[in-house]
Protein backbone atom coordinates (compact mmCIF):
# COMPACT_ATOMS: atom_id res chain seq x y z
CA UNK A 1 44.62 39.27 -1.65
CA UNK A 2 47.84 37.57 -2.70
CA UNK A 3 50.53 39.92 -1.42
CA UNK A 4 53.01 38.40 -3.90
CA UNK A 5 51.46 40.74 -6.46
CA UNK A 6 53.23 43.61 -4.68
CA UNK A 7 56.60 41.91 -4.32
CA UNK A 8 58.92 43.78 -6.66
CA UNK A 9 62.16 42.12 -5.56
CA UNK A 10 64.56 42.00 -8.48
CA UNK A 11 62.51 44.48 -10.51
CA UNK A 12 64.07 47.67 -11.88
CA UNK A 13 61.97 50.82 -11.46
CA UNK A 14 63.01 54.13 -13.04
CA UNK A 15 61.26 57.32 -11.88
CA UNK A 16 61.79 60.56 -13.81
CA UNK A 17 61.20 63.47 -11.45
CA UNK A 18 61.62 61.08 -8.53
CA UNK A 19 63.37 63.34 -6.06
CA UNK A 20 60.31 64.94 -4.48
CA UNK A 21 56.53 64.97 -4.04
CA UNK A 22 54.31 62.33 -5.60
CA UNK A 23 57.15 60.87 -7.65
CA UNK A 24 59.36 60.33 -4.61
CA UNK A 25 56.45 58.68 -2.80
CA UNK A 26 56.06 56.31 -5.75
CA UNK A 27 59.79 55.56 -5.81
CA UNK A 28 59.71 54.96 -2.06
CA UNK A 29 56.76 52.56 -2.34
CA UNK A 30 58.63 50.47 -4.90
CA UNK A 31 61.79 50.53 -2.79
CA UNK A 32 59.83 49.26 0.20
CA UNK A 33 58.41 46.53 -2.05
CA UNK A 34 61.96 45.36 -2.79
CA UNK A 35 62.63 47.01 -6.15
CA UNK A 36 65.91 48.39 -7.42
CA UNK A 37 65.05 52.05 -7.96
CA UNK A 38 66.71 54.65 -10.18
CA UNK A 39 65.55 58.27 -10.07
CA UNK A 40 66.34 61.24 -12.28
CA UNK A 41 65.93 64.92 -11.45
CA UNK A 42 67.48 68.28 -12.19
CA UNK A 43 68.52 68.94 -8.59
CA UNK A 44 71.64 67.07 -7.47
CA UNK A 45 70.91 68.06 -3.85
CA UNK A 46 67.40 66.62 -3.94
CA UNK A 47 68.68 63.48 -5.66
CA UNK A 48 71.16 62.83 -2.84
CA UNK A 49 68.48 63.15 -0.17
CA UNK A 50 65.99 61.03 -2.07
CA UNK A 51 68.49 58.25 -2.75
CA UNK A 52 69.45 58.18 0.93
CA UNK A 53 65.76 57.85 1.85
CA UNK A 54 65.19 55.03 -0.64
CA UNK A 55 68.22 53.11 0.61
CA UNK A 56 67.13 53.60 4.21
CA UNK A 57 63.81 51.96 3.34
CA UNK A 58 65.48 48.83 2.09
CA UNK A 59 65.90 49.36 -1.62
CA UNK A 60 68.93 49.49 -3.87
CA UNK A 61 68.86 52.98 -5.31
CA UNK A 62 70.79 55.25 -7.64
CA UNK A 63 70.20 58.82 -8.74
CA UNK A 64 71.03 60.65 -11.95
CA UNK A 65 71.03 64.36 -12.68
CA UNK A 66 69.09 65.04 -15.88
CA UNK A 67 66.59 67.55 -17.23
CA UNK A 68 63.74 65.83 -19.06
CA UNK A 69 63.70 68.68 -21.57
CA UNK A 70 67.09 67.48 -22.80
CA UNK A 71 66.58 64.19 -24.63
CA UNK A 72 70.28 63.30 -24.65
CA UNK A 73 70.60 63.87 -20.90
CA UNK A 74 67.61 61.72 -19.98
CA UNK A 75 68.74 59.01 -22.40
CA UNK A 76 72.16 58.98 -20.72
CA UNK A 77 70.50 58.58 -17.32
CA UNK A 78 68.35 55.72 -18.58
CA UNK A 79 71.35 54.00 -20.14
CA UNK A 80 73.34 54.31 -16.91
CA UNK A 81 70.44 52.88 -14.90
CA UNK A 82 70.11 50.02 -17.39
CA UNK A 83 73.81 49.24 -17.03
CA UNK A 84 73.46 49.31 -13.23
CA UNK A 85 70.20 47.41 -12.74
CA UNK A 86 69.34 45.77 -16.07
CA UNK A 87 66.14 46.10 -18.14
CA UNK A 88 63.56 48.53 -16.77
CA UNK A 89 60.42 46.78 -15.55
CA UNK A 90 58.54 49.91 -14.47
CA UNK A 91 59.03 53.38 -15.91
CA UNK A 92 57.38 56.33 -14.17
CA UNK A 93 57.42 59.65 -16.02
CA UNK A 94 56.33 62.36 -13.62
CA UNK A 95 58.35 65.55 -14.13
CA UNK A 96 56.04 68.58 -14.19
CA UNK A 97 55.95 72.34 -13.95
CA UNK A 98 53.19 74.78 -13.05
CA UNK A 99 52.37 78.33 -12.06
CA UNK A 100 49.13 80.26 -11.78
CA UNK A 101 48.43 82.90 -14.45
CA UNK A 102 45.69 83.97 -16.88
CA UNK A 103 46.46 83.37 -20.54
CA UNK A 104 46.85 87.12 -21.16
CA UNK A 105 49.22 87.38 -18.20
CA UNK A 106 51.40 84.53 -19.39
CA UNK A 107 54.37 85.03 -21.68
CA UNK A 108 54.99 82.70 -24.61
CA UNK A 109 58.15 81.62 -22.80
CA UNK A 110 56.19 80.75 -19.65
CA UNK A 111 53.64 78.74 -21.64
CA UNK A 112 56.37 76.93 -23.52
CA UNK A 113 58.31 76.11 -20.33
CA UNK A 114 55.42 74.07 -18.94
CA UNK A 115 54.75 72.38 -22.29
CA UNK A 116 58.46 71.59 -22.60
CA UNK A 117 58.59 69.96 -19.16
CA UNK A 118 55.24 68.17 -19.09
CA UNK A 119 54.65 67.18 -22.71
CA UNK A 120 57.98 67.32 -24.54
CA UNK A 121 59.79 66.09 -21.44
CA UNK A 122 57.28 63.28 -21.02
CA UNK A 123 57.85 62.25 -24.63
CA UNK A 124 61.63 62.40 -24.18
CA UNK A 125 61.44 60.09 -21.16
CA UNK A 126 59.24 57.39 -22.67
CA UNK A 127 60.76 57.58 -26.15
CA UNK A 128 64.30 57.30 -24.80
CA UNK A 129 63.31 54.52 -22.40
CA UNK A 130 61.85 52.17 -25.02
CA UNK A 131 65.24 50.64 -25.85
CA UNK A 132 65.86 49.87 -22.17
CA UNK A 133 62.44 48.46 -21.22
CA UNK A 134 61.82 44.79 -20.54
CA UNK A 135 60.00 43.29 -23.52
CA UNK A 136 57.55 41.78 -22.90
CA UNK A 137 56.45 42.78 -19.44
CA UNK A 138 57.29 46.44 -18.87
CA UNK A 139 54.81 48.89 -17.39
CA UNK A 140 54.97 52.60 -18.23
CA UNK A 141 53.16 55.05 -15.95
CA UNK A 142 52.76 58.72 -16.81
CA UNK A 143 51.67 61.11 -14.07
CA UNK A 144 49.06 63.45 -15.50
CA UNK A 145 46.73 66.02 -13.92
CA UNK A 146 42.98 66.79 -13.81
CA UNK A 147 43.60 69.79 -16.09
CA UNK A 148 44.07 67.34 -18.96
CA UNK A 149 40.30 66.82 -19.08
CA UNK A 150 38.89 69.68 -17.03
CA UNK A 151 39.30 73.23 -18.41
CA UNK A 152 40.71 75.26 -15.53
CA UNK A 153 41.09 79.02 -15.34
CA UNK A 154 44.67 80.27 -14.90
CA UNK A 155 45.97 76.90 -16.16
CA UNK A 156 45.92 77.13 -19.98
CA UNK A 157 49.51 75.90 -20.20
CA UNK A 158 48.94 72.85 -17.97
CA UNK A 159 45.62 72.00 -19.63
CA UNK A 160 47.30 71.97 -23.03
CA UNK A 161 50.37 70.02 -21.91
CA UNK A 162 48.59 67.33 -19.90
CA UNK A 163 45.87 66.82 -22.51
CA UNK A 164 48.63 66.11 -25.01
CA UNK A 165 50.34 63.77 -22.57
CA UNK A 166 47.20 61.69 -22.01
CA UNK A 167 46.58 61.39 -25.74
CA UNK A 168 50.19 60.30 -26.19
CA UNK A 169 49.62 57.58 -23.58
CA UNK A 170 46.74 56.17 -25.62
CA UNK A 171 48.79 56.17 -28.83
CA UNK A 172 51.78 54.49 -27.19
CA UNK A 173 49.52 51.84 -25.67
CA UNK A 174 48.52 50.91 -29.22
CA UNK A 175 51.99 51.15 -30.73
CA UNK A 176 53.86 49.36 -27.93
CA UNK A 177 51.26 46.73 -27.09
CA UNK A 178 52.82 44.26 -29.57
CA UNK A 179 56.09 44.60 -27.60
CA UNK A 180 54.27 43.50 -24.46
CA UNK A 181 54.58 46.97 -22.92
CA UNK A 182 51.63 48.47 -21.06
CA UNK A 183 51.27 52.27 -21.01
CA UNK A 184 48.89 54.03 -18.62
CA UNK A 185 48.29 57.40 -17.00
CA UNK A 186 47.65 58.18 -13.34
CA UNK A 187 45.71 61.38 -12.68
CA UNK A 188 46.11 62.59 -9.09
CA UNK A 189 43.43 64.86 -7.70
CA UNK A 190 44.22 67.45 -5.02
CA UNK A 191 47.08 65.92 -3.02
CA UNK A 192 48.06 67.48 0.30
CA UNK A 193 51.57 68.75 0.82
CA UNK A 194 52.60 68.80 -2.83
CA UNK A 195 54.20 71.76 -4.58
CA UNK A 196 51.24 71.91 -6.96
CA UNK A 197 48.71 72.32 -4.17
CA UNK A 198 50.86 74.97 -2.50
CA UNK A 199 50.57 76.96 -5.71
CA UNK A 200 46.90 76.27 -6.44
CA UNK A 201 45.67 76.50 -2.82
CA UNK A 202 48.10 78.81 -1.03
CA UNK A 203 45.91 79.62 2.01
CA UNK A 204 43.27 78.10 4.29
CA UNK A 205 40.35 79.58 2.37
CA UNK A 206 41.63 78.15 -0.90
CA UNK A 207 42.22 74.77 0.73
CA UNK A 208 38.62 74.74 1.98
CA UNK A 209 37.33 75.46 -1.52
CA UNK A 210 39.34 72.53 -2.78
CA UNK A 211 38.17 70.05 -0.14
CA UNK A 212 34.57 71.23 -0.56
CA UNK A 213 34.81 70.25 -4.24
CA UNK A 214 35.88 66.66 -3.45
CA UNK A 215 33.03 64.17 -2.88
CA UNK A 216 35.16 62.31 -0.30
CA UNK A 217 35.59 65.61 1.52
CA UNK A 218 39.38 65.66 1.82
CA UNK A 219 42.61 65.91 -0.09
CA UNK A 220 44.47 62.76 -0.97
CA UNK A 221 47.95 61.75 0.11
CA UNK A 222 51.05 60.97 -1.90
CA UNK A 223 50.90 57.44 -0.45
CA UNK A 224 47.48 56.90 -2.04
CA UNK A 225 48.91 57.76 -5.45
CA UNK A 226 51.87 55.48 -4.82
CA UNK A 227 49.49 52.65 -3.90
CA UNK A 228 47.80 52.91 -7.30
CA UNK A 229 51.16 52.97 -9.05
CA UNK A 230 51.96 49.65 -7.36
CA UNK A 231 48.63 48.22 -8.51
CA UNK A 232 49.02 49.34 -12.14
CA UNK A 233 52.58 47.99 -12.29
CA UNK A 234 51.58 44.65 -10.76
CA UNK A 235 50.17 41.48 -12.38
CA UNK A 236 46.76 42.56 -11.07
CA UNK A 237 46.68 45.08 -13.94
CA UNK A 238 48.18 42.79 -16.60
CA UNK A 239 45.32 43.48 -19.03
CA UNK A 240 45.19 47.24 -18.44
CA UNK A 241 46.77 49.54 -21.01
CA UNK A 242 45.83 52.90 -22.48
CA UNK A 243 43.93 53.75 -19.29
CA UNK A 244 43.65 57.26 -17.85
CA UNK A 245 42.99 56.50 -14.19
CA UNK A 246 41.67 59.21 -11.88
CA UNK A 247 42.85 58.93 -8.27
CA UNK A 248 41.05 62.01 -7.00
CA UNK A 249 38.38 61.26 -4.40
CA UNK A 250 35.73 61.82 -7.07
CA UNK A 251 36.66 65.45 -7.69
CA UNK A 252 36.59 64.96 -11.48
CA UNK A 253 33.00 63.68 -11.49
CA UNK A 254 30.50 65.92 -13.32
CA UNK A 255 28.41 67.65 -10.70
CA UNK A 256 30.91 66.76 -8.02
CA UNK A 257 30.90 70.28 -6.64
CA UNK A 258 28.35 71.21 -4.01
CA UNK A 259 26.41 74.13 -5.51
CA UNK A 260 24.54 74.80 -2.29
CA UNK A 261 21.27 73.16 -3.26
CA UNK A 262 19.08 72.15 -0.34
CA UNK A 263 17.56 68.62 -0.45
CA UNK A 264 13.74 68.68 -0.52
């Protein structure tokens, strides 16, 4: 493989939600590939630590405090990053919220909070970024979740928000294609060590149920998601847009769960 495909020297990468978890791993991967990386997050403390990590791994990096639910705030962060590093070559929109609750045990405020972060916030990021993207040539990556396609008990809010996000990705791929902008969605499966898995699989028994449902027999890593972000942002994926790409060890496959049948 030509490793030049993963040389992002001189490229500007902006990661919304990039101060922790999967998003920080993605930002870190681009920094190690030579990119100039800007991250945005609500937590100033997390931003400082993440920026220090990115710089330590060889990348130019800046951080901006912004809540994706506030369109003006995220637009200001994008504008500042554009002034610092120039047109955005890769935009990653990954801010997310989650908690476990049945629909009848969830307040309208709780439901709306997740929709506001995941769906409205995702729209705010990509909509505000359009003016600052490189045209042609930019790659937009939204970080989705399996709940977008798989109805999941105790996750009505996330199912609704992420399903909307993935449909938005398809629409933007059509609308922004003439600008030379590719828009895709990455769908991580169960990823070890993330805040989401701590909530959805809080103990050893729950973790075993999760790994038993994955055909590859294990959880993924944040690095494996970051690897696919590099691929989708690279020239290797130059004809890929509007894709909803599962990176989940096969856990989304119909019949992927072992129902205990004994081979004859």
